[in-house]
Amino acid sequence: MIWIVGALAFWVAAWVANVILVRAGFGRFLVPLLFGIAVLVLWEGFVRGLNVSAVILPPPSAIWAKIVTSLPTLWGDFVQTILRG
């Protein structure tokens, strides 16, 4: 339950920060960035807080960890598909 409350608290804080950024004139680039981070935090909090199976919906941290450990394979696929194709 703490994960869900923490994620919702972060969402509200990000919302307030976005309003402040827009009023200060910094909204063009920072608001979309902060929104994306808030969505990822909300996703992580709800998946962990509700104990959703990683098979159904993995948390963003697990997805990022898999990408990092698969970089050599992904790079080889990129070279074959984009650079040679």
N, C-alpha and C. Protein backbone atom coordinates (compact mmCIF):
# COMPACT_ATOMS: atom_id res chain seq x y z
N MET A 1 0.83 -1.20 0.00
CA MET A 1 0.00 0.00 0.00
C MET A 1 0.87 1.26 0.00
N ILE A 2 2.05 1.16 0.63
CA ILE A 2 2.94 2.32 0.69
C ILE A 2 3.42 2.72 -0.70
N TRP A 3 3.59 1.73 -1.59
CA TRP A 3 4.00 2.02 -2.97
C TRP A 3 2.94 2.85 -3.68
N ILE A 4 1.68 2.52 -3.49
CA ILE A 4 0.59 3.23 -4.16
C ILE A 4 0.48 4.65 -3.62
N VAL A 5 0.54 4.80 -2.32
CA VAL A 5 0.45 6.14 -1.71
C VAL A 5 1.63 6.99 -2.14
N GLY A 6 2.82 6.40 -2.14
CA GLY A 6 4.00 7.14 -2.59
C GLY A 6 3.91 7.56 -4.04
N ALA A 7 3.41 6.67 -4.89
CA ALA A 7 3.26 7.00 -6.31
C ALA A 7 2.24 8.11 -6.51
N LEU A 8 1.14 8.04 -5.80
CA LEU A 8 0.13 9.10 -5.91
C LEU A 8 0.64 10.43 -5.37
N ALA A 9 1.40 10.39 -4.29
CA ALA A 9 1.99 11.62 -3.74
C ALA A 9 2.96 12.24 -4.73
N PHE A 10 3.76 11.39 -5.39
CA PHE A 10 4.68 11.91 -6.40
C PHE A 10 3.91 12.52 -7.56
N TRP A 11 2.81 11.88 -7.97
CA TRP A 11 1.99 12.39 -9.08
C TRP A 11 1.46 13.79 -8.73
N VAL A 12 0.94 13.97 -7.53
CA VAL A 12 0.41 15.27 -7.11
C VAL A 12 1.53 16.31 -7.06
N ALA A 13 2.69 15.93 -6.53
CA ALA A 13 3.82 16.86 -6.47
C ALA A 13 4.28 17.25 -7.88
N ALA A 14 4.30 16.29 -8.79
CA ALA A 14 4.69 16.59 -10.17
C ALA A 14 3.67 17.51 -10.83
N TRP A 15 2.41 17.31 -10.52
CA TRP A 15 1.35 18.16 -11.08
C TRP A 15 1.55 19.60 -10.60
N VAL A 16 1.79 19.78 -9.33
CA VAL A 16 2.03 21.12 -8.79
C VAL A 16 3.29 21.73 -9.41
N ALA A 17 4.33 20.94 -9.54
CA ALA A 17 5.56 21.43 -10.16
C ALA A 17 5.32 21.85 -11.60
N ASN A 18 4.51 21.08 -12.33
CA ASN A 18 4.20 21.45 -13.72
C ASN A 18 3.47 22.77 -13.80
N VAL A 19 2.53 22.99 -12.92
CA VAL A 19 1.80 24.26 -12.90
C VAL A 19 2.76 25.42 -12.64
N ILE A 20 3.66 25.25 -11.70
CA ILE A 20 4.64 26.29 -11.38
C ILE A 20 5.57 26.53 -12.57
N LEU A 21 6.02 25.45 -13.22
CA LEU A 21 6.91 25.59 -14.39
C LEU A 21 6.23 26.32 -15.54
N VAL A 22 4.97 26.02 -15.78
CA VAL A 22 4.24 26.68 -16.87
C VAL A 22 4.08 28.17 -16.57
N ARG A 23 3.74 28.49 -15.35
CA ARG A 23 3.56 29.90 -14.99
C ARG A 23 4.87 30.68 -15.05
N ALA A 24 5.98 29.98 -14.82
CA ALA A 24 7.30 30.63 -14.86
C ALA A 24 7.86 30.68 -16.28
N GLY A 25 7.20 30.05 -17.23
CA GLY A 25 7.64 30.09 -18.62
C GLY A 25 8.62 28.99 -19.00
N PHE A 26 8.77 27.96 -18.17
CA PHE A 26 9.69 26.87 -18.46
C PHE A 26 8.97 25.60 -18.90
N GLY A 27 7.74 25.74 -19.32
CA GLY A 27 6.92 24.58 -19.58
C GLY A 27 7.17 23.86 -20.88
N ARG A 28 7.83 24.48 -21.83
CA ARG A 28 7.96 23.89 -23.16
C ARG A 28 8.68 22.53 -23.15
N PHE A 29 9.75 22.40 -22.39
CA PHE A 29 10.51 21.16 -22.38
C PHE A 29 10.42 20.42 -21.04
N LEU A 30 10.33 21.15 -19.95
CA LEU A 30 10.35 20.51 -18.64
C LEU A 30 9.04 19.81 -18.29
N VAL A 31 7.91 20.37 -18.73
CA VAL A 31 6.63 19.76 -18.40
C VAL A 31 6.48 18.37 -19.02
N PRO A 32 6.77 18.18 -20.31
CA PRO A 32 6.68 16.80 -20.84
C PRO A 32 7.66 15.84 -20.18
N LEU A 33 8.85 16.31 -19.85
CA LEU A 33 9.83 15.46 -19.18
C LEU A 33 9.32 15.04 -17.81
N LEU A 34 8.84 15.99 -17.03
CA LEU A 34 8.32 15.69 -15.70
C LEU A 34 7.09 14.80 -15.77
N PHE A 35 6.25 15.01 -16.78
CA PHE A 35 5.07 14.16 -16.95
C PHE A 35 5.48 12.72 -17.23
N GLY A 36 6.46 12.52 -18.10
CA GLY A 36 6.93 11.17 -18.40
C GLY A 36 7.50 10.48 -17.18
N ILE A 37 8.27 11.20 -16.40
CA ILE A 37 8.84 10.62 -15.18
C ILE A 37 7.71 10.28 -14.20
N ALA A 38 6.72 11.15 -14.10
CA ALA A 38 5.60 10.90 -13.19
C ALA A 38 4.81 9.66 -13.61
N VAL A 39 4.62 9.46 -14.90
CA VAL A 39 3.90 8.27 -15.38
C VAL A 39 4.69 7.01 -15.02
N LEU A 40 6.00 7.04 -15.20
CA LEU A 40 6.82 5.88 -14.85
C LEU A 40 6.78 5.59 -13.35
N VAL A 41 6.83 6.62 -12.52
CA VAL A 41 6.76 6.43 -11.07
C VAL A 41 5.39 5.88 -10.67
N LEU A 42 4.35 6.40 -11.27
CA LEU A 42 3.00 5.91 -10.98
C LEU A 42 2.86 4.45 -11.39
N TRP A 43 3.35 4.09 -12.56
CA TRP A 43 3.33 2.71 -13.05
C TRP A 43 4.09 1.79 -12.09
N GLU A 44 5.30 2.19 -11.71
CA GLU A 44 6.11 1.39 -10.80
C GLU A 44 5.39 1.20 -9.46
N GLY A 45 4.84 2.27 -8.93
CA GLY A 45 4.17 2.21 -7.63
C GLY A 45 2.95 1.31 -7.64
N PHE A 46 2.14 1.40 -8.68
CA PHE A 46 0.93 0.59 -8.74
C PHE A 46 1.25 -0.88 -8.99
N VAL A 47 2.21 -1.16 -9.85
CA VAL A 47 2.57 -2.55 -10.12
C VAL A 47 3.13 -3.21 -8.86
N ARG A 48 3.99 -2.51 -8.15
CA ARG A 48 4.56 -3.08 -6.92
C ARG A 48 3.54 -3.09 -5.79
N GLY A 49 2.77 -2.03 -5.68
CA GLY A 49 1.78 -1.94 -4.59
C GLY A 49 0.65 -2.93 -4.70
N LEU A 50 0.24 -3.26 -5.93
CA LEU A 50 -0.84 -4.21 -6.13
C LEU A 50 -0.34 -5.62 -6.39
N ASN A 51 0.99 -5.82 -6.33
CA ASN A 51 1.61 -7.13 -6.56
C ASN A 51 1.18 -7.75 -7.88
N VAL A 52 1.20 -6.96 -8.93
CA VAL A 52 0.87 -7.44 -10.26
C VAL A 52 2.01 -8.34 -10.74
N SER A 53 1.65 -9.48 -11.31
CA SER A 53 2.67 -10.41 -11.80
C SER A 53 3.50 -9.75 -12.90
N ALA A 54 4.81 -10.00 -12.86
CA ALA A 54 5.71 -9.42 -13.87
C ALA A 54 5.40 -9.97 -15.26
N VAL A 55 4.74 -11.13 -15.33
CA VAL A 55 4.35 -11.68 -16.63
C VAL A 55 3.24 -10.83 -17.25
N ILE A 56 2.36 -10.34 -16.43
CA ILE A 56 1.24 -9.53 -16.93
C ILE A 56 1.67 -8.10 -17.22
N LEU A 57 2.34 -7.48 -16.25
CA LEU A 57 2.80 -6.10 -16.42
C LEU A 57 4.05 -5.88 -15.59
N PRO A 58 5.23 -5.95 -16.22
CA PRO A 58 6.46 -5.74 -15.46
C PRO A 58 6.63 -4.27 -15.09
N PRO A 59 7.28 -4.01 -13.96
CA PRO A 59 7.55 -2.62 -13.60
C PRO A 59 8.61 -2.02 -14.53
N PRO A 60 8.61 -0.71 -14.69
CA PRO A 60 9.61 -0.07 -15.56
C PRO A 60 11.04 -0.39 -15.16
N SER A 61 11.31 -0.57 -13.87
CA SER A 61 12.67 -0.88 -13.45
C SER A 61 13.12 -2.24 -13.99
N ALA A 62 12.22 -3.21 -14.06
CA ALA A 62 12.57 -4.53 -14.60
C ALA A 62 12.81 -4.45 -16.10
N ILE A 63 12.02 -3.63 -16.78
CA ILE A 63 12.20 -3.45 -18.23
C ILE A 63 13.55 -2.80 -18.50
N TRP A 64 13.87 -1.76 -17.74
CA TRP A 64 15.15 -1.07 -17.92
C TRP A 64 16.32 -2.01 -17.63
N ALA A 65 16.20 -2.82 -16.59
CA ALA A 65 17.27 -3.77 -16.26
C ALA A 65 17.47 -4.77 -17.40
N LYS A 66 16.41 -5.23 -18.01
CA LYS A 66 16.52 -6.17 -19.13
C LYS A 66 17.17 -5.50 -20.34
N ILE A 67 16.83 -4.26 -20.60
CA ILE A 67 17.44 -3.53 -21.72
C ILE A 67 18.94 -3.39 -21.49
N VAL A 68 19.32 -3.01 -20.28
CA VAL A 68 20.74 -2.80 -19.97
C VAL A 68 21.53 -4.11 -20.12
N THR A 69 20.96 -5.22 -19.66
CA THR A 69 21.68 -6.49 -19.77
C THR A 69 21.68 -7.04 -21.19
N SER A 70 20.82 -6.52 -22.06
CA SER A 70 20.73 -7.01 -23.44
C SER A 70 21.38 -6.07 -24.45
N LEU A 71 22.16 -5.09 -23.99
CA LEU A 71 22.74 -4.11 -24.91
C LEU A 71 23.59 -4.71 -26.02
N PRO A 72 24.45 -5.69 -25.77
CA PRO A 72 25.24 -6.25 -26.88
C PRO A 72 24.35 -6.87 -27.97
N THR A 73 23.32 -7.59 -27.58
CA THR A 73 22.41 -8.19 -28.55
C THR A 73 21.64 -7.10 -29.31
N LEU A 74 21.15 -6.10 -28.57
CA LEU A 74 20.41 -5.02 -29.22
C LEU A 74 21.29 -4.24 -30.19
N TRP A 75 22.55 -4.02 -29.83
CA TRP A 75 23.47 -3.31 -30.71
C TRP A 75 23.71 -4.13 -31.99
N GLY A 76 23.93 -5.42 -31.85
CA GLY A 76 24.12 -6.27 -33.02
C GLY A 76 22.89 -6.27 -33.93
N ASP A 77 21.71 -6.30 -33.35
CA ASP A 77 20.48 -6.24 -34.14
C ASP A 77 20.35 -4.89 -34.84
N PHE A 78 20.72 -3.81 -34.14
CA PHE A 78 20.67 -2.48 -34.74
C PHE A 78 21.60 -2.38 -35.94
N VAL A 79 22.81 -2.88 -35.78
CA VAL A 79 23.79 -2.83 -36.87
C VAL A 79 23.28 -3.60 -38.07
N GLN A 80 22.77 -4.81 -37.84
CA GLN A 80 22.29 -5.64 -38.93
C GLN A 80 21.06 -5.03 -39.62
N THR A 81 20.15 -4.48 -38.86
CA THR A 81 18.90 -3.99 -39.42
C THR A 81 19.04 -2.60 -40.05
N ILE A 82 19.68 -1.69 -39.35
CA ILE A 82 19.73 -0.28 -39.79
C ILE A 82 20.96 0.01 -40.65
N LEU A 83 22.11 -0.37 -40.17
CA LEU A 83 23.34 0.02 -40.87
C LEU A 83 23.61 -0.84 -42.10
N ARG A 84 23.31 -2.12 -42.03
CA ARG A 84 23.57 -2.99 -43.16
C ARG A 84 22.35 -3.21 -44.04
N GLY A 85 21.17 -2.95 -43.47
CA GLY A 85 19.93 -3.21 -44.21
C GLY A 85 19.53 -2.10 -45.06
